[in-house]
Amino acid sequence: MFILELSFGDEPDRLAARPAHRERLQALHQEGRLVMAGPFADDSGALLIFDVPDAEAFATIVAEDPYYRTPGVTIASQREWSPIVR
């Protein structure tokens, strides 16, 4: 699994890009590649958990979604995660 943590700025581009991004997330969830995702309560960022086979698959998901390059969206961290409880 891989975790992606985002931080958000105040740029309006982020909110304009969000609906298409959320559609992508729904598709990834239906495919079983996204376990869960959502913004922090204060909307300062978000956390996404992906269930993909390797770092290359994770990098492809990130590269294919323009939201992650939108002004106002910063990738704060991305790392592999090994949960012991699922």
PDB file of N, CA and C in Angstrom:
ATOM      1  N   MET A   1       0.842  -1.179   0.000  1.00  0.00           N
ATOM      2  CA  MET A   1       0.000   0.000   0.000  1.00  0.00           C
ATOM      3  C   MET A   1       0.886   1.240   0.000  1.00  0.00           C
ATOM      4  N   PHE A   2       0.301   2.322  -0.455  1.00  0.00           N
ATOM      5  CA  PHE A   2       1.019   3.586  -0.500  1.00  0.00           C
ATOM      6  C   PHE A   2       0.121   4.685   0.048  1.00  0.00           C
ATOM      7  N   ILE A   3       0.734   5.610   0.780  1.00  0.00           N
ATOM      8  CA  ILE A   3       0.016   6.752   1.354  1.00  0.00           C
ATOM      9  C   ILE A   3       0.486   8.014   0.666  1.00  0.00           C
ATOM     10  N   LEU A   4      -0.467   8.857   0.319  1.00  0.00           N
ATOM     11  CA  LEU A   4      -0.190  10.149  -0.290  1.00  0.00           C
ATOM     12  C   LEU A   4      -0.807  11.208   0.605  1.00  0.00           C
ATOM     13  N   GLU A   5       0.020  12.129   1.073  1.00  0.00           N
ATOM     14  CA  GLU A   5      -0.486  13.237   1.890  1.00  0.00           C
ATOM     15  C   GLU A   5      -0.344  14.530   1.105  1.00  0.00           C
ATOM     16  N   LEU A   6      -1.438  15.271   1.024  1.00  0.00           N
ATOM     17  CA  LEU A   6      -1.460  16.537   0.303  1.00  0.00           C
ATOM     18  C   LEU A   6      -1.611  17.688   1.271  1.00  0.00           C
ATOM     19  N   SER A   7      -1.086  18.846   0.897  1.00  0.00           N
ATOM     20  CA  SER A   7      -1.394  20.078   1.617  1.00  0.00           C
ATOM     21  C   SER A   7      -2.020  21.033   0.608  1.00  0.00           C
ATOM     22  N   PHE A   8      -2.944  21.841   1.081  1.00  0.00           N
ATOM     23  CA  PHE A   8      -3.710  22.726   0.214  1.00  0.00           C
ATOM     24  C   PHE A   8      -3.411  24.188   0.500  1.00  0.00           C
ATOM     25  N   GLY A   9      -3.372  24.988  -0.562  1.00  0.00           N
ATOM     26  CA  GLY A   9      -3.282  26.435  -0.464  1.00  0.00           C
ATOM     27  C   GLY A   9      -4.629  27.040  -0.825  1.00  0.00           C
ATOM     28  N   ASP A  10      -4.663  28.343  -0.901  1.00  0.00           N
ATOM     29  CA  ASP A  10      -5.919  29.060  -1.143  1.00  0.00           C
ATOM     30  C   ASP A  10      -6.215  29.328  -2.622  1.00  0.00           C
ATOM     31  N   GLU A  11      -5.380  28.852  -3.522  1.00  0.00           N
ATOM     32  CA  GLU A  11      -5.564  29.127  -4.944  1.00  0.00           C
ATOM     33  C   GLU A  11      -6.910  28.573  -5.434  1.00  0.00           C
ATOM     34  N   PRO A  12      -7.655  29.384  -6.182  1.00  0.00           N
ATOM     35  CA  PRO A  12      -8.967  28.931  -6.678  1.00  0.00           C
ATOM     36  C   PRO A  12      -8.877  27.789  -7.691  1.00  0.00           C
ATOM     37  N   ASP A  13      -7.727  27.633  -8.340  1.00  0.00           N
ATOM     38  CA  ASP A  13      -7.563  26.534  -9.304  1.00  0.00           C
ATOM     39  C   ASP A  13      -7.819  25.179  -8.649  1.00  0.00           C
ATOM     40  N   ARG A  14      -7.448  25.055  -7.386  1.00  0.00           N
ATOM     41  CA  ARG A  14      -7.613  23.783  -6.680  1.00  0.00           C
ATOM     42  C   ARG A  14      -9.084  23.389  -6.614  1.00  0.00           C
ATOM     43  N   LEU A  15      -9.937  24.319  -6.238  1.00  0.00           N
ATOM     44  CA  LEU A  15     -11.362  24.010  -6.121  1.00  0.00           C
ATOM     45  C   LEU A  15     -11.985  23.732  -7.482  1.00  0.00           C
ATOM     46  N   ALA A  16     -11.502  24.418  -8.515  1.00  0.00           N
ATOM     47  CA  ALA A  16     -12.021  24.187  -9.867  1.00  0.00           C
ATOM     48  C   ALA A  16     -11.638  22.792 -10.371  1.00  0.00           C
ATOM     49  N   ALA A  17     -10.466  22.303  -9.976  1.00  0.00           N
ATOM     50  CA  ALA A  17      -9.986  20.997 -10.434  1.00  0.00           C
ATOM     51  C   ALA A  17     -10.518  19.837  -9.595  1.00  0.00           C
ATOM     52  N   ARG A  18     -11.085  20.129  -8.456  1.00  0.00           N
ATOM     53  CA  ARG A  18     -11.476  19.076  -7.509  1.00  0.00           C
ATOM     54  C   ARG A  18     -12.562  18.125  -8.030  1.00  0.00           C
ATOM     55  N   PRO A  19     -13.613  18.578  -8.713  1.00  0.00           N
ATOM     56  CA  PRO A  19     -14.639  17.621  -9.167  1.00  0.00           C
ATOM     57  C   PRO A  19     -14.086  16.510 -10.071  1.00  0.00           C
ATOM     58  N   ALA A  20     -13.229  16.862 -11.029  1.00  0.00           N
ATOM     59  CA  ALA A  20     -12.648  15.835 -11.914  1.00  0.00           C
ATOM     60  C   ALA A  20     -11.751  14.891 -11.116  1.00  0.00           C
ATOM     61  N   HIS A  21     -11.015  15.435 -10.164  1.00  0.00           N
ATOM     62  CA  HIS A  21     -10.154  14.614  -9.304  1.00  0.00           C
ATOM     63  C   HIS A  21     -10.993  13.626  -8.501  1.00  0.00           C
ATOM     64  N   ARG A  22     -12.085  14.076  -7.948  1.00  0.00           N
ATOM     65  CA  ARG A  22     -12.939  13.185  -7.154  1.00  0.00           C
ATOM     66  C   ARG A  22     -13.574  12.093  -8.017  1.00  0.00           C
ATOM     67  N   GLU A  23     -13.878  12.404  -9.262  1.00  0.00           N
ATOM     68  CA  GLU A  23     -14.373  11.364 -10.179  1.00  0.00           C
ATOM     69  C   GLU A  23     -13.315  10.299 -10.402  1.00  0.00           C
ATOM     70  N   ARG A  24     -12.063  10.730 -10.570  1.00  0.00           N
ATOM     71  CA  ARG A  24     -10.953   9.773 -10.723  1.00  0.00           C
ATOM     72  C   ARG A  24     -10.828   8.898  -9.478  1.00  0.00           C
ATOM     73  N   LEU A  25     -10.967   9.524  -8.311  1.00  0.00           N
ATOM     74  CA  LEU A  25     -10.851   8.763  -7.062  1.00  0.00           C
ATOM     75  C   LEU A  25     -11.951   7.717  -6.964  1.00  0.00           C
ATOM     76  N   GLN A  26     -13.160   8.069  -7.362  1.00  0.00           N
ATOM     77  CA  GLN A  26     -14.259   7.103  -7.326  1.00  0.00           C
ATOM     78  C   GLN A  26     -13.955   5.914  -8.236  1.00  0.00           C
ATOM     79  N   ALA A  27     -13.420   6.185  -9.420  1.00  0.00           N
ATOM     80  CA  ALA A  27     -13.080   5.108 -10.353  1.00  0.00           C
ATOM     81  C   ALA A  27     -11.980   4.215  -9.777  1.00  0.00           C
ATOM     82  N   LEU A  28     -10.962   4.819  -9.181  1.00  0.00           N
ATOM     83  CA  LEU A  28      -9.882   4.037  -8.564  1.00  0.00           C
ATOM     84  C   LEU A  28     -10.410   3.193  -7.407  1.00  0.00           C
ATOM     85  N   HIS A  29     -11.350   3.743  -6.661  1.00  0.00           N
ATOM     86  CA  HIS A  29     -11.944   2.999  -5.545  1.00  0.00           C
ATOM     87  C   HIS A  29     -12.741   1.800  -6.070  1.00  0.00           C
ATOM     88  N   GLN A  30     -13.522   2.018  -7.110  1.00  0.00           N
ATOM     89  CA  GLN A  30     -14.307   0.926  -7.692  1.00  0.00           C
ATOM     90  C   GLN A  30     -13.407  -0.169  -8.268  1.00  0.00           C
ATOM     91  N   GLU A  31     -12.231   0.223  -8.743  1.00  0.00           N
ATOM     92  CA  GLU A  31     -11.265  -0.748  -9.274  1.00  0.00           C
ATOM     93  C   GLU A  31     -10.484  -1.458  -8.168  1.00  0.00           C
ATOM     94  N   GLY A  32     -10.622  -0.989  -6.930  1.00  0.00           N
ATOM     95  CA  GLY A  32      -9.903  -1.584  -5.815  1.00  0.00           C
ATOM     96  C   GLY A  32      -8.501  -1.042  -5.612  1.00  0.00           C
ATOM     97  N   ARG A  33      -8.147   0.015  -6.330  1.00  0.00           N
ATOM     98  CA  ARG A  33      -6.795   0.577  -6.192  1.00  0.00           C
ATOM     99  C   ARG A  33      -6.717   1.700  -5.171  1.00  0.00           C
ATOM    100  N   LEU A  34      -7.853   2.246  -4.755  1.00  0.00           N
ATOM    101  CA  LEU A  34      -7.898   3.285  -3.721  1.00  0.00           C
ATOM    102  C   LEU A  34      -8.709   2.743  -2.551  1.00  0.00           C
ATOM    103  N   VAL A  35      -8.089   2.674  -1.388  1.00  0.00           N
ATOM    104  CA  VAL A  35      -8.757   2.141  -0.203  1.00  0.00           C
ATOM    105  C   VAL A  35      -9.652   3.209   0.413  1.00  0.00           C
ATOM    106  N   MET A  36      -9.083   4.370   0.654  1.00  0.00           N
ATOM    107  CA  MET A  36      -9.851   5.488   1.193  1.00  0.00           C
ATOM    108  C   MET A  36      -9.118   6.789   0.925  1.00  0.00           C
ATOM    109  N   ALA A  37      -9.878   7.880   0.971  1.00  0.00           N
ATOM    110  CA  ALA A  37      -9.308   9.199   0.712  1.00  0.00           C
ATOM    111  C   ALA A  37     -10.238  10.254   1.273  1.00  0.00           C
ATOM    112  N   GLY A  38      -9.659  11.374   1.654  1.00  0.00           N
ATOM    113  CA  GLY A  38     -10.493  12.476   2.104  1.00  0.00           C
ATOM    114  C   GLY A  38      -9.671  13.610   2.659  1.00  0.00           C
ATOM    115  N   PRO A  39     -10.308  14.784   2.723  1.00  0.00           N
ATOM    116  CA  PRO A  39      -9.621  15.964   3.248  1.00  0.00           C
ATOM    117  C   PRO A  39      -9.575  15.942   4.774  1.00  0.00           C
ATOM    118  N   PHE A  40      -8.604  16.654   5.312  1.00  0.00           N
ATOM    119  CA  PHE A  40      -8.560  16.852   6.758  1.00  0.00           C
ATOM    120  C   PHE A  40      -9.716  17.777   7.141  1.00  0.00           C
ATOM    121  N   ALA A  41     -10.149  17.709   8.372  1.00  0.00           N
ATOM    122  CA  ALA A  41     -11.322  18.470   8.823  1.00  0.00           C
ATOM    123  C   ALA A  41     -11.168  19.969   8.594  1.00  0.00           C
ATOM    124  N   ASP A  42      -9.945  20.479   8.667  1.00  0.00           N
ATOM    125  CA  ASP A  42      -9.732  21.920   8.472  1.00  0.00           C
ATOM    126  C   ASP A  42      -9.445  22.280   7.009  1.00  0.00           C
ATOM    127  N   ASP A  43      -9.538  21.317   6.106  1.00  0.00           N
ATOM    128  CA  ASP A  43      -9.306  21.483   4.672  1.00  0.00           C
ATOM    129  C   ASP A  43      -7.904  22.008   4.360  1.00  0.00           C
ATOM    130  N   SER A  44      -6.940  21.693   5.230  1.00  0.00           N
ATOM    131  CA  SER A  44      -5.553  22.101   4.993  1.00  0.00           C
ATOM    132  C   SER A  44      -4.821  21.112   4.096  1.00  0.00           C
ATOM    133  N   GLY A  45      -5.463  19.981   3.814  1.00  0.00           N
ATOM    134  CA  GLY A  45      -4.840  18.949   3.006  1.00  0.00           C
ATOM    135  C   GLY A  45      -5.717  17.717   2.988  1.00  0.00           C
ATOM    136  N   ALA A  46      -5.131  16.603   2.545  1.00  0.00           N
ATOM    137  CA  ALA A  46      -5.885  15.361   2.439  1.00  0.00           C
ATOM    138  C   ALA A  46      -4.940  14.178   2.578  1.00  0.00           C
ATOM    139  N   LEU A  47      -5.530  13.022   2.838  1.00  0.00           N
ATOM    140  CA  LEU A  47      -4.787  11.776   2.936  1.00  0.00           C
ATOM    141  C   LEU A  47      -5.458  10.752   2.035  1.00  0.00           C
ATOM    142  N   LEU A  48      -4.655  10.037   1.255  1.00  0.00           N
ATOM    143  CA  LEU A  48      -5.166   9.018   0.346  1.00  0.00           C
ATOM    144  C   LEU A  48      -4.364   7.745   0.563  1.00  0.00           C
ATOM    145  N   ILE A  49      -5.052   6.609   0.583  1.00  0.00           N
ATOM    146  CA  ILE A  49      -4.404   5.316   0.765  1.00  0.00           C
ATOM    147  C   ILE A  49      -4.705   4.450  -0.448  1.00  0.00           C
ATOM    148  N   PHE A  50      -3.639   4.060  -1.136  1.00  0.00           N
ATOM    149  CA  PHE A  50      -3.749   3.268  -2.358  1.00  0.00           C
ATOM    150  C   PHE A  50      -3.284   1.843  -2.115  1.00  0.00           C
ATOM    151  N   ASP A  51      -3.983   0.890  -2.704  1.00  0.00           N
ATOM    152  CA  ASP A  51      -3.597  -0.518  -2.641  1.00  0.00           C
ATOM    153  C   ASP A  51      -3.191  -0.944  -4.050  1.00  0.00           C
ATOM    154  N   VAL A  52      -1.916  -0.792  -4.331  1.00  0.00           N
ATOM    155  CA  VAL A  52      -1.363  -1.120  -5.644  1.00  0.00           C
ATOM    156  C   VAL A  52      -0.136  -2.012  -5.454  1.00  0.00           C
ATOM    157  N   PRO A  53       0.253  -2.751  -6.481  1.00  0.00           N
ATOM    158  CA  PRO A  53       1.296  -3.756  -6.311  1.00  0.00           C
ATOM    159  C   PRO A  53       2.709  -3.232  -6.083  1.00  0.00           C
ATOM    160  N   ASP A  54       2.997  -2.013  -6.589  1.00  0.00           N
ATOM    161  CA  ASP A  54       4.375  -1.553  -6.461  1.00  0.00           C
ATOM    162  C   ASP A  54       4.457  -0.032  -6.647  1.00  0.00           C
ATOM    163  N   ALA A  55       5.668   0.491  -6.445  1.00  0.00           N
ATOM    164  CA  ALA A  55       5.889   1.931  -6.538  1.00  0.00           C
ATOM    165  C   ALA A  55       5.619   2.461  -7.944  1.00  0.00           C
ATOM    166  N   GLU A  56       5.871   1.656  -8.950  1.00  0.00           N
ATOM    167  CA  GLU A  56       5.624   2.085 -10.327  1.00  0.00           C
ATOM    168  C   GLU A  56       4.130   2.302 -10.566  1.00  0.00           C
ATOM    169  N   ALA A  57       3.295   1.404 -10.087  1.00  0.00           N
ATOM    170  CA  ALA A  57       1.838   1.552 -10.233  1.00  0.00           C
ATOM    171  C   ALA A  57       1.347   2.793  -9.491  1.00  0.00           C
ATOM    172  N   PHE A  58       1.894   3.031  -8.321  1.00  0.00           N
ATOM    173  CA  PHE A  58       1.530   4.210  -7.537  1.00  0.00           C
ATOM    174  C   PHE A  58       1.949   5.482  -8.275  1.00  0.00           C
ATOM    175  N   ALA A  59       3.168   5.508  -8.792  1.00  0.00           N
ATOM    176  CA  ALA A  59       3.654   6.676  -9.521  1.00  0.00           C
ATOM    177  C   ALA A  59       2.802   6.952 -10.754  1.00  0.00           C
ATOM    178  N   THR A  60       2.330   5.922 -11.407  1.00  0.00           N
ATOM    179  CA  THR A  60       1.478   6.086 -12.587  1.00  0.00           C
ATOM    180  C   THR A  60       0.159   6.751 -12.207  1.00  0.00           C
ATOM    181  N   ILE A  61      -0.433   6.318 -11.106  1.00  0.00           N
ATOM    182  CA  ILE A  61      -1.689   6.923 -10.648  1.00  0.00           C
ATOM    183  C   ILE A  61      -1.494   8.403 -10.376  1.00  0.00           C
ATOM    184  N   VAL A  62      -0.422   8.745  -9.687  1.00  0.00           N
ATOM    185  CA  VAL A  62      -0.152  10.149  -9.359  1.00  0.00           C
ATOM    186  C   VAL A  62       0.104  10.950 -10.636  1.00  0.00           C
ATOM    187  N   ALA A  63       0.874  10.390 -11.554  1.00  0.00           N
ATOM    188  CA  ALA A  63       1.200  11.110 -12.798  1.00  0.00           C
ATOM    189  C   ALA A  63      -0.017  11.325 -13.683  1.00  0.00           C
ATOM    190  N   GLU A  64      -0.981  10.417 -13.646  1.00  0.00           N
ATOM    191  CA  GLU A  64      -2.146  10.508 -14.528  1.00  0.00           C
ATOM    192  C   GLU A  64      -3.207  11.495 -14.044  1.00  0.00           C
ATOM    193  N   ASP A  65      -3.113  11.961 -12.823  1.00  0.00           N
ATOM    194  CA  ASP A  65      -4.130  12.878 -12.285  1.00  0.00           C
ATOM    195  C   ASP A  65      -3.562  14.294 -12.227  1.00  0.00           C
ATOM    196  N   PRO A  66      -4.020  15.191 -13.099  1.00  0.00           N
ATOM    197  CA  PRO A  66      -3.479  16.553 -13.109  1.00  0.00           C
ATOM    198  C   PRO A  66      -3.738  17.329 -11.816  1.00  0.00           C
ATOM    199  N   TYR A  67      -4.647  16.859 -10.988  1.00  0.00           N
ATOM    200  CA  TYR A  67      -4.936  17.550  -9.723  1.00  0.00           C
ATOM    201  C   TYR A  67      -3.673  17.720  -8.886  1.00  0.00           C
ATOM    202  N   TYR A  68      -2.808  16.718  -8.899  1.00  0.00           N
ATOM    203  CA  TYR A  68      -1.610  16.759  -8.062  1.00  0.00           C
ATOM    204  C   TYR A  68      -0.599  17.802  -8.527  1.00  0.00           C
ATOM    205  N   ARG A  69      -0.788  18.370  -9.711  1.00  0.00           N
ATOM    206  CA  ARG A  69       0.072  19.434 -10.229  1.00  0.00           C
ATOM    207  C   ARG A  69      -0.667  20.779 -10.284  1.00  0.00           C
ATOM    208  N   THR A  70      -1.863  20.833  -9.745  1.00  0.00           N
ATOM    209  CA  THR A  70      -2.681  22.044  -9.772  1.00  0.00           C
ATOM    210  C   THR A  70      -2.163  23.054  -8.750  1.00  0.00           C
ATOM    211  N   PRO A  71      -2.095  24.338  -9.116  1.00  0.00           N
ATOM    212  CA  PRO A  71      -1.723  25.349  -8.119  1.00  0.00           C
ATOM    213  C   PRO A  71      -2.642  25.249  -6.900  1.00  0.00           C
ATOM    214  N   GLY A  72      -2.034  25.236  -5.736  1.00  0.00           N
ATOM    215  CA  GLY A  72      -2.796  25.096  -4.502  1.00  0.00           C
ATOM    216  C   GLY A  72      -2.781  23.691  -3.940  1.00  0.00           C
ATOM    217  N   VAL A  73      -2.228  22.743  -4.705  1.00  0.00           N
ATOM    218  CA  VAL A  73      -2.107  21.359  -4.247  1.00  0.00           C
ATOM    219  C   VAL A  73      -0.625  21.006  -4.214  1.00  0.00           C
ATOM    220  N   THR A  74      -0.155  20.608  -3.047  1.00  0.00           N
ATOM    221  CA  THR A  74       1.240  20.215  -2.879  1.00  0.00           C
ATOM    222  C   THR A  74       1.293  18.816  -2.308  1.00  0.00           C
ATOM    223  N   ILE A  75       2.105  17.960  -2.908  1.00  0.00           N
ATOM    224  CA  ILE A  75       2.321  16.640  -2.335  1.00  0.00           C
ATOM    225  C   ILE A  75       3.275  16.811  -1.162  1.00  0.00           C
ATOM    226  N   ALA A  76       2.752  16.639   0.049  1.00  0.00           N
ATOM    227  CA  ALA A  76       3.545  16.815   1.264  1.00  0.00           C
ATOM    228  C   ALA A  76       4.411  15.590   1.535  1.00  0.00           C
ATOM    229  N   SER A  77       3.864  14.416   1.274  1.00  0.00           N
ATOM    230  CA  SER A  77       4.648  13.186   1.434  1.00  0.00           C
ATOM    231  C   SER A  77       3.970  12.059   0.672  1.00  0.00           C
ATOM    232  N   GLN A  78       4.783  11.094   0.308  1.00  0.00           N
ATOM    233  CA  GLN A  78       4.280   9.874  -0.321  1.00  0.00           C
ATOM    234  C   GLN A  78       5.233   8.768   0.088  1.00  0.00           C
ATOM    235  N   ARG A  79       4.627   7.680   0.582  1.00  0.00           N
ATOM    236  CA  ARG A  79       5.479   6.602   1.064  1.00  0.00           C
ATOM    237  C   ARG A  79       4.756   5.273   1.056  1.00  0.00           C
ATOM    238  N   GLU A  80       5.543   4.232   1.029  1.00  0.00           N
ATOM    239  CA  GLU A  80       4.978   2.890   1.110  1.00  0.00           C
ATOM    240  C   GLU A  80       4.592   2.612   2.543  1.00  0.00           C
ATOM    241  N   TRP A  81       3.512   1.853   2.707  1.00  0.00           N
ATOM    242  CA  TRP A  81       2.973   1.581   4.043  1.00  0.00           C
ATOM    243  C   TRP A  81       2.662   0.093   4.126  1.00  0.00           C
ATOM    244  N   SER A  82       2.981  -0.502   5.269  1.00  0.00           N
ATOM    245  CA  SER A  82       2.724  -1.923   5.493  1.00  0.00           C
ATOM    246  C   SER A  82       1.787  -2.097   6.682  1.00  0.00           C
ATOM    247  N   PRO A  83       0.474  -1.991   6.453  1.00  0.00           N
ATOM    248  CA  PRO A  83      -0.467  -2.129   7.572  1.00  0.00           C
ATOM    249  C   PRO A  83      -0.466  -3.549   8.123  1.00  0.00           C
ATOM    250  N   ILE A  84      -0.674  -3.652   9.435  1.00  0.00           N
ATOM    251  CA  ILE A  84      -0.761  -4.970  10.051  1.00  0.00           C
ATOM    252  C   ILE A  84      -2.212  -5.368  10.335  1.00  0.00           C
ATOM    253  N   VAL A  85      -3.103  -4.387  10.282  1.00  0.00           N
ATOM    254  CA  VAL A  85      -4.548  -4.651  10.467  1.00  0.00           C
ATOM    255  C   VAL A  85      -5.255  -4.048   9.276  1.00  0.00           C
ATOM    256  N   ARG A  86      -6.135  -4.848   8.667  1.00  0.00           N
ATOM    257  CA  ARG A  86      -6.900  -4.381   7.513  1.00  0.00           C
ATOM    258  C   ARG A  86      -8.359  -4.634   7.727  1.00  0.00           C
TER     259      ARG A  86
END
